[in-house]
C-alpha atoms as a PDB file:
ATOM      1  CA  UNK A   1     151.414 -58.265  68.281  1.00  0.00           C
ATOM      2  CA  UNK A   2     152.052 -54.408  69.406  1.00  0.00           C
ATOM      3  CA  UNK A   3     154.010 -52.448  66.804  1.00  0.00           C
ATOM      4  CA  UNK A   4     156.912 -51.296  69.626  1.00  0.00           C
ATOM      5  CA  UNK A   5     158.520 -54.025  72.184  1.00  0.00           C
ATOM      6  CA  UNK A   6     160.793 -51.902  74.912  1.00  0.00           C
ATOM      7  CA  UNK A   7     163.367 -54.740  75.531  1.00  0.00           C
ATOM      8  CA  UNK A   8     165.264 -54.214  79.110  1.00  0.00           C
ATOM      9  CA  UNK A   9     167.934 -56.498  79.498  1.00  0.00           C
ATOM     10  CA  UNK A  10     168.658 -56.987  83.130  1.00  0.00           C
ATOM     11  CA  UNK A  11     171.331 -58.726  85.303  1.00  0.00           C
ATOM     12  CA  UNK A  12     171.548 -58.025  89.435  1.00  0.00           C
ATOM     13  CA  UNK A  13     169.799 -55.055  88.565  1.00  0.00           C
ATOM     14  CA  UNK A  14     166.984 -55.241  91.175  1.00  0.00           C
ATOM     15  CA  UNK A  15     167.063 -51.585  92.526  1.00  0.00           C
ATOM     16  CA  UNK A  16     167.577 -49.923  88.989  1.00  0.00           C
ATOM     17  CA  UNK A  17     164.391 -51.911  87.623  1.00  0.00           C
ATOM     18  CA  UNK A  18     162.683 -50.411  91.299  1.00  0.00           C
ATOM     19  CA  UNK A  19     164.244 -46.890  90.255  1.00  0.00           C
ATOM     20  CA  UNK A  20     163.235 -46.682  86.154  1.00  0.00           C
ATOM     21  CA  UNK A  21     161.016 -49.381  85.024  1.00  0.00           C
ATOM     22  CA  UNK A  22     158.106 -47.405  86.394  1.00  0.00           C
ATOM     23  CA  UNK A  23     158.320 -44.368  84.187  1.00  0.00           C
ATOM     24  CA  UNK A  24     158.775 -46.652  81.136  1.00  0.00           C
ATOM     25  CA  UNK A  25     155.716 -48.663  81.970  1.00  0.00           C
ATOM     26  CA  UNK A  26     154.012 -45.345  82.491  1.00  0.00           C
ATOM     27  CA  UNK A  27     155.276 -43.118  79.676  1.00  0.00           C
ATOM     28  CA  UNK A  28     155.584 -45.924  76.753  1.00  0.00           C
ATOM     29  CA  UNK A  29     152.068 -45.885  75.539  1.00  0.00           C
ATOM     30  CA  UNK A  30     150.469 -49.307  74.437  1.00  0.00           C
ATOM     31  CA  UNK A  31     154.276 -51.250  73.416  1.00  0.00           C
ATOM     32  CA  UNK A  32     155.021 -53.966  74.911  1.00  0.00           C
ATOM     33  CA  UNK A  33     157.503 -53.536  77.626  1.00  0.00           C
ATOM     34  CA  UNK A  34     159.867 -56.904  78.357  1.00  0.00           C
ATOM     35  CA  UNK A  35     162.534 -57.404  80.867  1.00  0.00           C
ATOM     36  CA  UNK A  36     165.309 -59.877  79.783  1.00  0.00           C
ATOM     37  CA  UNK A  37     167.161 -61.252  83.003  1.00  0.00           C
ATOM     38  CA  UNK A  38     170.094 -62.554  82.331  1.00  0.00           C
ATOM     39  CA  UNK A  39     170.547 -65.107  85.443  1.00  0.00           C
ATOM     40  CA  UNK A  40     170.117 -62.744  87.976  1.00  0.00           C
ATOM     41  CA  UNK A  41     171.515 -63.928  91.348  1.00  0.00           C
ATOM     42  CA  UNK A  42     169.509 -61.255  92.950  1.00  0.00           C
ATOM     43  CA  UNK A  43     165.654 -60.628  93.344  1.00  0.00           C
ATOM     44  CA  UNK A  44     165.323 -59.210  90.152  1.00  0.00           C
ATOM     45  CA  UNK A  45     163.012 -62.162  89.074  1.00  0.00           C
ATOM     46  CA  UNK A  46     160.737 -62.074  91.812  1.00  0.00           C
ATOM     47  CA  UNK A  47     160.855 -57.938  91.945  1.00  0.00           C
ATOM     48  CA  UNK A  48     159.507 -58.028  88.008  1.00  0.00           C
ATOM     49  CA  UNK A  49     156.725 -61.010  88.993  1.00  0.00           C
ATOM     50  CA  UNK A  50     155.379 -59.468  92.006  1.00  0.00           C
ATOM     51  CA  UNK A  51     155.928 -55.184  91.606  1.00  0.00           C
ATOM     52  CA  UNK A  52     155.360 -55.464  87.928  1.00  0.00           C
ATOM     53  CA  UNK A  53     153.456 -58.145  86.371  1.00  0.00           C
ATOM     54  CA  UNK A  54     151.997 -56.321  83.436  1.00  0.00           C
ATOM     55  CA  UNK A  55     155.842 -56.180  82.291  1.00  0.00           C
ATOM     56  CA  UNK A  56     156.818 -59.064  79.972  1.00  0.00           C
ATOM     57  CA  UNK A  57     159.758 -61.406  81.572  1.00  0.00           C
ATOM     58  CA  UNK A  58     162.404 -63.495  79.572  1.00  0.00           C
ATOM     59  CA  UNK A  59     164.466 -65.643  82.170  1.00  0.00           C
ATOM     60  CA  UNK A  60     167.648 -67.122  80.677  1.00  0.00           C
ATOM     61  CA  UNK A  61     169.963 -69.834  81.628  1.00  0.00           C
ATOM     62  CA  UNK A  62     172.972 -67.999  81.912  1.00  0.00           C
ATOM     63  CA  UNK A  63     174.685 -64.352  81.804  1.00  0.00           C
ATOM     64  CA  UNK A  64     175.282 -64.115  77.914  1.00  0.00           C
ATOM     65  CA  UNK A  65     176.345 -60.410  78.379  1.00  0.00           C
ATOM     66  CA  UNK A  66     174.902 -57.528  76.923  1.00  0.00           C
ATOM     67  CA  UNK A  67     175.451 -58.694  72.810  1.00  0.00           C
ATOM     68  CA  UNK A  68     173.947 -62.145  73.288  1.00  0.00           C
ATOM     69  CA  UNK A  69     171.461 -61.422  76.040  1.00  0.00           C
ATOM     70  CA  UNK A  70     170.020 -59.084  73.514  1.00  0.00           C
ATOM     71  CA  UNK A  71     170.075 -61.507  70.480  1.00  0.00           C
ATOM     72  CA  UNK A  72     168.402 -64.303  72.190  1.00  0.00           C
ATOM     73  CA  UNK A  73     165.744 -61.641  73.895  1.00  0.00           C
ATOM     74  CA  UNK A  74     164.849 -60.500  70.492  1.00  0.00           C
ATOM     75  CA  UNK A  75     164.390 -64.027  69.099  1.00  0.00           C
ATOM     76  CA  UNK A  76     161.330 -64.230  71.082  1.00  0.00           C
ATOM     77  CA  UNK A  77     160.320 -60.539  69.877  1.00  0.00           C
ATOM     78  CA  UNK A  78     157.730 -60.271  66.534  1.00  0.00           C
ATOM     79  CA  UNK A  79     157.447 -56.270  67.163  1.00  0.00           C
ATOM     80  CA  UNK A  80     158.170 -54.459  64.199  1.00  0.00           C
ATOM     81  CA  UNK A  81     160.142 -52.249  66.369  1.00  0.00           C
ATOM     82  CA  UNK A  82     162.189 -53.249  69.039  1.00  0.00           C
ATOM     83  CA  UNK A  83     164.074 -50.741  71.413  1.00  0.00           C
ATOM     84  CA  UNK A  84     167.160 -52.041  73.391  1.00  0.00           C
ATOM     85  CA  UNK A  85     166.727 -49.995  76.269  1.00  0.00           C
ATOM     86  CA  UNK A  86     169.467 -50.091  79.465  1.00  0.00           C
ATOM     87  CA  UNK A  87     168.025 -50.663  82.762  1.00  0.00           C
ATOM     88  CA  UNK A  88     169.224 -47.437  84.357  1.00  0.00           C
ATOM     89  CA  UNK A  89     167.256 -44.858  81.833  1.00  0.00           C
ATOM     90  CA  UNK A  90     164.700 -42.780  83.021  1.00  0.00           C
ATOM     91  CA  UNK A  91     162.124 -42.347  80.188  1.00  0.00           C
ATOM     92  CA  UNK A  92     159.666 -38.680  79.106  1.00  0.00           C
ATOM     93  CA  UNK A  93     156.065 -38.626  78.115  1.00  0.00           C
ATOM     94  CA  UNK A  94     155.597 -39.432  74.867  1.00  0.00           C
ATOM     95  CA  UNK A  95     159.007 -40.763  74.058  1.00  0.00           C
ATOM     96  CA  UNK A  96     158.549 -43.272  71.939  1.00  0.00           C
ATOM     97  CA  UNK A  97     155.943 -41.286  69.602  1.00  0.00           C
ATOM     98  CA  UNK A  98     158.585 -38.892  67.703  1.00  0.00           C
ATOM     99  CA  UNK A  99     160.876 -42.067  66.828  1.00  0.00           C
ATOM    100  CA  UNK A 100     158.185 -44.292  65.944  1.00  0.00           C
ATOM    101  CA  UNK A 101     156.735 -41.128  63.885  1.00  0.00           C
ATOM    102  CA  UNK A 102     160.277 -40.758  62.230  1.00  0.00           C
ATOM    103  CA  UNK A 103     160.867 -44.796  61.547  1.00  0.00           C
ATOM    104  CA  UNK A 104     156.689 -44.877  59.771  1.00  0.00           C
ATOM    105  CA  UNK A 105     157.765 -41.771  57.443  1.00  0.00           C
ATOM    106  CA  UNK A 106     161.334 -42.912  56.223  1.00  0.00           C
ATOM    107  CA  UNK A 107     161.711 -46.953  55.381  1.00  0.00           C
ATOM    108  CA  UNK A 108     165.302 -46.064  54.592  1.00  0.00           C
ATOM    109  CA  UNK A 109     165.833 -45.952  58.074  1.00  0.00           C
ATOM    110  CA  UNK A 110     166.988 -48.898  59.996  1.00  0.00           C
ATOM    111  CA  UNK A 111     167.440 -47.003  63.537  1.00  0.00           C
ATOM    112  CA  UNK A 112     167.284 -44.324  65.277  1.00  0.00           C
ATOM    113  CA  UNK A 113     167.882 -43.147  68.763  1.00  0.00           C
ATOM    114  CA  UNK A 114     166.236 -40.415  70.992  1.00  0.00           C
ATOM    115  CA  UNK A 115     168.501 -37.777  72.801  1.00  0.00           C
ATOM    116  CA  UNK A 116     170.699 -39.285  75.455  1.00  0.00           C
ATOM    117  CA  UNK A 117     170.943 -36.407  78.637  1.00  0.00           C
ATOM    118  CA  UNK A 118     172.907 -37.307  81.612  1.00  0.00           C
ATOM    119  CA  UNK A 119     170.548 -38.459  84.509  1.00  0.00           C
ATOM    120  CA  UNK A 120     173.197 -36.899  87.163  1.00  0.00           C
ATOM    121  CA  UNK A 121     173.139 -33.603  85.057  1.00  0.00           C
ATOM    122  CA  UNK A 122     170.141 -32.835  83.282  1.00  0.00           C
ATOM    123  CA  UNK A 123     171.532 -29.958  81.721  1.00  0.00           C
ATOM    124  CA  UNK A 124     174.210 -31.674  80.044  1.00  0.00           C
ATOM    125  CA  UNK A 125     174.274 -34.661  77.410  1.00  0.00           C
ATOM    126  CA  UNK A 126     175.617 -38.330  78.331  1.00  0.00           C
ATOM    127  CA  UNK A 127     178.591 -39.911  77.258  1.00  0.00           C
ATOM    128  CA  UNK A 128     177.039 -42.698  76.073  1.00  0.00           C
ATOM    129  CA  UNK A 129     175.285 -41.635  72.773  1.00  0.00           C
ATOM    130  CA  UNK A 130     174.627 -38.331  73.409  1.00  0.00           C
ATOM    131  CA  UNK A 131     172.785 -36.514  69.945  1.00  0.00           C
ATOM    132  CA  UNK A 132     173.857 -39.089  67.659  1.00  0.00           C
ATOM    133  CA  UNK A 133     177.317 -40.861  66.959  1.00  0.00           C
ATOM    134  CA  UNK A 134     179.830 -41.174  64.530  1.00  0.00           C
ATOM    135  CA  UNK A 135     183.649 -42.594  63.821  1.00  0.00           C
ATOM    136  CA  UNK A 136     186.744 -40.621  63.025  1.00  0.00           C
ATOM    137  CA  UNK A 137     188.730 -41.987  60.206  1.00  0.00           C
ATOM    138  CA  UNK A 138     190.941 -44.682  62.576  1.00  0.00           C
ATOM    139  CA  UNK A 139     187.056 -46.059  64.426  1.00  0.00           C
ATOM    140  CA  UNK A 140     187.680 -43.910  67.455  1.00  0.00           C
ATOM    141  CA  UNK A 141     183.562 -42.898  67.903  1.00  0.00           C
ATOM    142  CA  UNK A 142     182.608 -39.450  69.238  1.00  0.00           C
ATOM    143  CA  UNK A 143     178.983 -37.740  69.180  1.00  0.00           C
ATOM    144  CA  UNK A 144     177.458 -34.707  68.974  1.00  0.00           C
ATOM    145  CA  UNK A 145     177.369 -32.998  72.198  1.00  0.00           C
ATOM    146  CA  UNK A 146     180.585 -35.409  73.202  1.00  0.00           C
ATOM    147  CA  UNK A 147     183.845 -36.311  72.189  1.00  0.00           C
ATOM    148  CA  UNK A 148     186.281 -37.871  74.501  1.00  0.00           C
ATOM    149  CA  UNK A 149     185.716 -36.341  78.330  1.00  0.00           C
ATOM    150  CA  UNK A 150     184.092 -33.382  76.802  1.00  0.00           C
ATOM    151  CA  UNK A 151     180.935 -33.427  77.394  1.00  0.00           C
ATOM    152  CA  UNK A 152     178.407 -30.179  76.471  1.00  0.00           C
ATOM    153  CA  UNK A 153     175.704 -28.709  78.082  1.00  0.00           C
ATOM    154  CA  UNK A 154     172.019 -28.858  76.163  1.00  0.00           C
ATOM    155  CA  UNK A 155     171.128 -26.094  74.823  1.00  0.00           C
ATOM    156  CA  UNK A 156     169.095 -27.130  71.533  1.00  0.00           C
ATOM    157  CA  UNK A 157     172.035 -27.080  69.736  1.00  0.00           C
ATOM    158  CA  UNK A 158     171.782 -30.547  68.415  1.00  0.00           C
ATOM    159  CA  UNK A 159     167.884 -30.546  68.444  1.00  0.00           C
ATOM    160  CA  UNK A 160     168.005 -31.518  64.471  1.00  0.00           C
ATOM    161  CA  UNK A 161     167.324 -35.024  63.041  1.00  0.00           C
ATOM    162  CA  UNK A 162     170.270 -35.651  61.625  1.00  0.00           C
ATOM    163  CA  UNK A 163     171.587 -39.020  59.898  1.00  0.00           C
ATOM    164  CA  UNK A 164     174.731 -40.520  61.805  1.00  0.00           C
ATOM    165  CA  UNK A 165     176.694 -43.451  61.687  1.00  0.00           C
ATOM    166  CA  UNK A 166     175.952 -45.148  65.171  1.00  0.00           C
ATOM    167  CA  UNK A 167     172.842 -45.045  67.691  1.00  0.00           C
ATOM    168  CA  UNK A 168     173.448 -45.297  71.190  1.00  0.00           C
ATOM    169  CA  UNK A 169     172.806 -48.671  72.843  1.00  0.00           C
ATOM    170  CA  UNK A 170     171.677 -47.333  75.781  1.00  0.00           C
ATOM    171  CA  UNK A 171     168.250 -46.394  73.733  1.00  0.00           C
ATOM    172  CA  UNK A 172     168.561 -47.750  70.486  1.00  0.00           C
ATOM    173  CA  UNK A 173     165.068 -48.231  68.234  1.00  0.00           C
ATOM    174  CA  UNK A 174     165.453 -50.634  65.551  1.00  0.00           C
ATOM    175  CA  UNK A 175     163.751 -52.254  62.946  1.00  0.00           C
ATOM    176  CA  UNK A 176     163.351 -56.112  64.300  1.00  0.00           C
ATOM    177  CA  UNK A 177     163.838 -57.399  61.272  1.00  0.00           C
ATOM    178  CA  UNK A 178     166.898 -55.315  60.180  1.00  0.00           C
ATOM    179  CA  UNK A 179     168.457 -56.342  63.424  1.00  0.00           C
ATOM    180  CA  UNK A 180     167.339 -59.747  62.607  1.00  0.00           C
ATOM    181  CA  UNK A 181     168.908 -59.917  59.337  1.00  0.00           C
ATOM    182  CA  UNK A 182     172.003 -57.916  60.225  1.00  0.00           C
ATOM    183  CA  UNK A 183     173.419 -60.883  62.622  1.00  0.00           C
ATOM    184  CA  UNK A 184     172.296 -58.918  65.606  1.00  0.00           C
ATOM    185  CA  UNK A 185     174.861 -57.655  68.011  1.00  0.00           C
ATOM    186  CA  UNK A 186     178.194 -59.939  67.786  1.00  0.00           C
ATOM    187  CA  UNK A 187     178.038 -61.640  71.011  1.00  0.00           C
ATOM    188  CA  UNK A 188     182.047 -62.454  70.844  1.00  0.00           C
ATOM    189  CA  UNK A 189     182.262 -59.088  72.211  1.00  0.00           C
ATOM    190  CA  UNK A 190     180.385 -59.973  75.624  1.00  0.00           C
ATOM    191  CA  UNK A 191     179.684 -55.562  75.997  1.00  0.00           C
ATOM    192  CA  UNK A 192     180.900 -52.726  74.746  1.00  0.00           C
ATOM    193  CA  UNK A 193     181.238 -51.493  70.743  1.00  0.00           C
ATOM    194  CA  UNK A 194     178.802 -54.202  70.003  1.00  0.00           C
ATOM    195  CA  UNK A 195     175.790 -51.346  69.002  1.00  0.00           C
ATOM    196  CA  UNK A 196     178.553 -49.421  66.777  1.00  0.00           C
ATOM    197  CA  UNK A 197     179.479 -52.528  65.239  1.00  0.00           C
ATOM    198  CA  UNK A 198     176.046 -53.340  64.698  1.00  0.00           C
ATOM    199  CA  UNK A 199     174.903 -49.939  63.308  1.00  0.00           C
ATOM    200  CA  UNK A 200     177.801 -49.696  60.834  1.00  0.00           C
ATOM    201  CA  UNK A 201     177.479 -53.021  59.421  1.00  0.00           C
ATOM    202  CA  UNK A 202     173.406 -52.151  59.024  1.00  0.00           C
ATOM    203  CA  UNK A 203     174.939 -48.610  57.445  1.00  0.00           C
ATOM    204  CA  UNK A 204     177.216 -50.261  55.119  1.00  0.00           C
ATOM    205  CA  UNK A 205     174.282 -52.702  53.748  1.00  0.00           C
ATOM    206  CA  UNK A 206     172.358 -49.339  52.842  1.00  0.00           C
ATOM    207  CA  UNK A 207     170.500 -48.617  55.941  1.00  0.00           C
ATOM    208  CA  UNK A 208     170.318 -45.358  57.249  1.00  0.00           C
ATOM    209  CA  UNK A 209     170.824 -44.251  60.941  1.00  0.00           C
ATOM    210  CA  UNK A 210     169.618 -40.962  62.737  1.00  0.00           C
ATOM    211  CA  UNK A 211     169.145 -39.532  65.881  1.00  0.00           C
ATOM    212  CA  UNK A 212     165.753 -37.829  66.661  1.00  0.00           C
ATOM    213  CA  UNK A 213     166.434 -35.256  69.130  1.00  0.00           C
ATOM    214  CA  UNK A 214     162.482 -34.658  70.344  1.00  0.00           C
ATOM    215  CA  UNK A 215     162.358 -37.745  71.892  1.00  0.00           C
ATOM    216  CA  UNK A 216     164.403 -37.473  74.424  1.00  0.00           C
ATOM    217  CA  UNK A 217     165.615 -40.122  77.696  1.00  0.00           C
ATOM    218  CA  UNK A 218     167.814 -39.755  80.826  1.00  0.00           C
ATOM    219  CA  UNK A 219     170.482 -42.451  81.473  1.00  0.00           C
ATOM    220  CA  UNK A 220     172.659 -42.883  84.343  1.00  0.00           C
ATOM    221  CA  UNK A 221     175.856 -44.556  82.548  1.00  0.00           C
ATOM    222  CA  UNK A 222     178.599 -46.534  84.461  1.00  0.00           C
ATOM    223  CA  UNK A 223     175.957 -48.631  85.913  1.00  0.00           C
ATOM    224  CA  UNK A 224     177.719 -51.827  85.301  1.00  0.00           C
ATOM    225  CA  UNK A 225     181.325 -50.872  84.687  1.00  0.00           C
ATOM    226  CA  UNK A 226     183.134 -47.513  85.723  1.00  0.00           C
ATOM    227  CA  UNK A 227     184.938 -45.423  82.842  1.00  0.00           C
ATOM    228  CA  UNK A 228     188.280 -46.689  84.820  1.00  0.00           C
ATOM    229  CA  UNK A 229     187.418 -50.117  85.227  1.00  0.00           C
ATOM    230  CA  UNK A 230     190.503 -52.081  83.247  1.00  0.00           C
ATOM    231  CA  UNK A 231     187.772 -54.755  82.321  1.00  0.00           C
ATOM    232  CA  UNK A 232     186.206 -51.690  80.445  1.00  0.00           C
ATOM    233  CA  UNK A 233     189.270 -50.698  79.214  1.00  0.00           C
ATOM    234  CA  UNK A 234     190.065 -54.246  77.761  1.00  0.00           C
ATOM    235  CA  UNK A 235     186.672 -54.738  76.139  1.00  0.00           C
ATOM    236  CA  UNK A 236     186.720 -51.244  74.145  1.00  0.00           C
ATOM    237  CA  UNK A 237     190.328 -51.614  72.767  1.00  0.00           C
ATOM    238  CA  UNK A 238     189.452 -55.301  71.861  1.00  0.00           C
ATOM    239  CA  UNK A 239     186.289 -55.494  70.323  1.00  0.00           C
ATOM    240  CA  UNK A 240     186.804 -51.732  68.555  1.00  0.00           C
ATOM    241  CA  UNK A 241     189.939 -53.798  66.915  1.00  0.00           C
ATOM    242  CA  UNK A 242     187.933 -56.560  65.875  1.00  0.00           C
ATOM    243  CA  UNK A 243     185.143 -54.036  64.707  1.00  0.00           C
ATOM    244  CA  UNK A 244     187.496 -52.327  62.398  1.00  0.00           C
ATOM    245  CA  UNK A 245     188.721 -55.787  61.090  1.00  0.00           C
ATOM    246  CA  UNK A 246     185.504 -57.137  60.291  1.00  0.00           C
ATOM    247  CA  UNK A 247     184.046 -53.768  58.511  1.00  0.00           C
ATOM    248  CA  UNK A 248     186.819 -51.564  57.151  1.00  0.00           C
ATOM    249  CA  UNK A 249     186.709 -51.611  53.166  1.00  0.00           C
ATOM    250  CA  UNK A 250     190.310 -53.642  51.751  1.00  0.00           C
ATOM    251  CA  UNK A 251     191.955 -50.618  50.418  1.00  0.00           C
ATOM    252  CA  UNK A 252     191.444 -49.279  53.709  1.00  0.00           C
ATOM    253  CA  UNK A 253     192.137 -52.153  56.230  1.00  0.00           C
ATOM    254  CA  UNK A 254     196.123 -51.965  56.283  1.00  0.00           C
ATOM    255  CA  UNK A 255     197.344 -47.975  56.702  1.00  0.00           C
ATOM    256  CA  UNK A 256     194.355 -47.790  59.357  1.00  0.00           C
ATOM    257  CA  UNK A 257     195.565 -50.282  61.175  1.00  0.00           C
ATOM    258  CA  UNK A 258     199.103 -49.913  60.833  1.00  0.00           C
ATOM    259  CA  UNK A 259     197.974 -46.188  62.429  1.00  0.00           C
ATOM    260  CA  UNK A 260     195.577 -47.987  65.312  1.00  0.00           C
ATOM    261  CA  UNK A 261     198.923 -50.008  66.317  1.00  0.00           C
ATOM    262  CA  UNK A 262     201.188 -46.846  66.633  1.00  0.00           C
ATOM    263  CA  UNK A 263     197.846 -45.168  68.444  1.00  0.00           C
ATOM    264  CA  UNK A 264     196.851 -48.003  70.848  1.00  0.00           C
ATOM    265  CA  UNK A 265     200.825 -48.532  72.080  1.00  0.00           C
ATOM    266  CA  UNK A 266     200.173 -44.695  72.672  1.00  0.00           C
ATOM    267  CA  UNK A 267     197.550 -45.149  75.145  1.00  0.00           C
ATOM    268  CA  UNK A 268     199.184 -47.682  76.728  1.00  0.00           C
ATOM    269  CA  UNK A 269     202.153 -45.839  77.548  1.00  0.00           C
ATOM    270  CA  UNK A 270     200.048 -42.866  78.825  1.00  0.00           C
ATOM    271  CA  UNK A 271     198.206 -45.278  81.267  1.00  0.00           C
ATOM    272  CA  UNK A 272     201.942 -46.404  82.277  1.00  0.00           C
ATOM    273  CA  UNK A 273     203.190 -42.806  83.115  1.00  0.00           C
ATOM    274  CA  UNK A 274     199.921 -41.875  85.214  1.00  0.00           C
ATOM    275  CA  UNK A 275     200.366 -45.330  86.849  1.00  0.00           C
ATOM    276  CA  UNK A 276     197.342 -46.657  86.031  1.00  0.00           C
ATOM    277  CA  UNK A 277     198.598 -50.374  85.862  1.00  0.00           C
ATOM    278  CA  UNK A 278     195.477 -51.988  85.278  1.00  0.00           C
ATOM    279  CA  UNK A 279     194.331 -49.713  82.240  1.00  0.00           C
ATOM    280  CA  UNK A 280     198.185 -50.211  80.719  1.00  0.00           C
ATOM    281  CA  UNK A 281     197.827 -54.464  80.878  1.00  0.00           C
ATOM    282  CA  UNK A 282     194.549 -53.970  79.778  1.00  0.00           C
ATOM    283  CA  UNK A 283     195.474 -52.295  76.503  1.00  0.00           C
ATOM    284  CA  UNK A 284     198.437 -54.706  75.709  1.00  0.00           C
ATOM    285  CA  UNK A 285     195.691 -57.715  76.290  1.00  0.00           C
ATOM    286  CA  UNK A 286     193.547 -56.410  73.996  1.00  0.00           C
ATOM    287  CA  UNK A 287     196.073 -56.482  71.769  1.00  0.00           C
ATOM    288  CA  UNK A 288     197.074 -59.944  72.141  1.00  0.00           C
ATOM    289  CA  UNK A 289     193.702 -61.361  72.319  1.00  0.00           C
ATOM    290  CA  UNK A 290     192.586 -59.631  68.939  1.00  0.00           C
ATOM    291  CA  UNK A 291     195.573 -61.350  67.355  1.00  0.00           C
ATOM    292  CA  UNK A 292     194.424 -64.178  68.528  1.00  0.00           C
ATOM    293  CA  UNK A 293     190.587 -63.888  67.439  1.00  0.00           C
ATOM    294  CA  UNK A 294     191.021 -61.931  64.289  1.00  0.00           C
ATOM    295  CA  UNK A 295     191.508 -65.378  62.632  1.00  0.00           C
ATOM    296  CA  UNK A 296     187.726 -66.447  63.788  1.00  0.00           C
ATOM    297  CA  UNK A 297     186.540 -62.953  62.032  1.00  0.00           C
ATOM    298  CA  UNK A 298     187.594 -64.018  58.494  1.00  0.00           C
ATOM    299  CA  UNK A 299     184.211 -65.854  57.055  1.00  0.00           C
ATOM    300  CA  UNK A 300     182.523 -62.917  59.152  1.00  0.00           C
ATOM    301  CA  UNK A 301     184.700 -60.172  57.040  1.00  0.00           C
ATOM    302  CA  UNK A 302     184.086 -61.763  53.669  1.00  0.00           C
ATOM    303  CA  UNK A 303     180.200 -61.522  54.662  1.00  0.00           C
ATOM    304  CA  UNK A 304     180.183 -58.235  54.994  1.00  0.00           C
ATOM    305  CA  UNK A 305     182.113 -57.171  52.276  1.00  0.00           C
ATOM    306  CA  UNK A 306     180.204 -58.976  50.216  1.00  0.00           C
ATOM    307  CA  UNK A 307     176.755 -57.463  51.461  1.00  0.00           C
ATOM    308  CA  UNK A 308     178.096 -54.094  51.647  1.00  0.00           C
ATOM    309  CA  UNK A 309     176.564 -51.729  48.985  1.00  0.00           C
ATOM    310  CA  UNK A 310     179.888 -50.112  48.618  1.00  0.00           C
ATOM    311  CA  UNK A 311     180.354 -46.096  48.328  1.00  0.00           C
ATOM    312  CA  UNK A 312     181.532 -44.136  51.820  1.00  0.00           C
ATOM    313  CA  UNK A 313     181.551 -46.194  54.484  1.00  0.00           C
ATOM    314  CA  UNK A 314     180.327 -43.076  56.808  1.00  0.00           C
ATOM    315  CA  UNK A 315     183.957 -42.357  58.356  1.00  0.00           C
ATOM    316  CA  UNK A 316     185.092 -39.146  59.149  1.00  0.00           C
ATOM    317  CA  UNK A 317     188.057 -38.196  57.361  1.00  0.00           C
ATOM    318  CA  UNK A 318     189.844 -36.726  59.899  1.00  0.00           C
ATOM    319  CA  UNK A 319     191.640 -38.267  63.274  1.00  0.00           C
ATOM    320  CA  UNK A 320     189.550 -37.142  66.169  1.00  0.00           C
ATOM    321  CA  UNK A 321     192.798 -37.518  68.396  1.00  0.00           C
ATOM    322  CA  UNK A 322     194.283 -34.589  66.147  1.00  0.00           C
ATOM    323  CA  UNK A 323     191.146 -32.691  66.316  1.00  0.00           C
ATOM    324  CA  UNK A 324     190.994 -32.695  70.065  1.00  0.00           C
ATOM    325  CA  UNK A 325     194.400 -32.859  71.367  1.00  0.00           C
ATOM    326  CA  UNK A 326     196.248 -30.937  69.071  1.00  0.00           C
ATOM    327  CA  UNK A 327     194.170 -28.403  67.333  1.00  0.00           C
ATOM    328  CA  UNK A 328     192.138 -28.207  70.300  1.00  0.00           C
ATOM    329  CA  UNK A 329     188.548 -28.508  68.825  1.00  0.00           C
ATOM    330  CA  UNK A 330     186.729 -29.883  71.966  1.00  0.00           C
ATOM    331  CA  UNK A 331     183.028 -29.810  70.379  1.00  0.00           C
ATOM    332  CA  UNK A 332     181.494 -31.347  67.970  1.00  0.00           C
ATOM    333  CA  UNK A 333     180.311 -27.912  66.167  1.00  0.00           C
ATOM    334  CA  UNK A 334     183.820 -26.851  66.014  1.00  0.00           C
ATOM    335  CA  UNK A 335     185.024 -30.264  64.190  1.00  0.00           C
ATOM    336  CA  UNK A 336     186.159 -29.917  60.344  1.00  0.00           C
ATOM    337  CA  UNK A 337     183.603 -31.452  59.014  1.00  0.00           C
END
């Protein structure tokens, strides 16, 4: 059994596999490389079999989405560490070594991430994780290097190893046993917010998460759904609300969810004012479906609270919306941390 398995979930990503899998094979040392195919209808399976015969191929009978796709793939992985690596990521020479060394030396760490840079603009951080993720008081995610649509240039300002609340799902390095013990990604999310939910859950159970910027990778981003896609808007809003319901401490649940109702309708009105009809309807549908699904999560919420170690849940005490829009603090180093 190899120490680390790099698991790439694929759905109709024939071009991405040809483009990025060679860098993973070349630069990942003796790690096992696994492609888990989510019932692709293109030539992905044939590409892996014929062009990358040294790669282990897991073929699934249907498209289980990002979340359950990875859960089913990791059921077949027994390595000490697993990397959930997006198919649109270019890795750099020796990228795994700093992550493995850090996790070996820090048994309290359950997961970490490399520095995530933009494949299309390599001098800048990438939206989906930058140099480590955080949550504000109302559940809005932000990163060292990216707040909302403001993405910073990487000049080494966030090169220190830092404890974070969530690590990017584009390149999530996790202890396999801890991933499974925490229940993995929430399959009902299908996609979006699922890695933040998992990381927050592991954090609440006493695990520590870090960014290790000595390791760096380049992420294309938006390869599955563009940022303006109403489907993505819907999943982000719905799943964020479900994540809060699953994990918020009892005394925080009501005040946070009341404020989120206000903020979500403000966001919907903003979409309406800019004639973004699809996004406007997506927010309203997300709130409706959250209410329908909330009861399904009562047992999950009770389990999460019961397994929580107590203490601070890791959210920042401020509203990132207020910091960004009202106070004009557009970069991480300016925030009232």
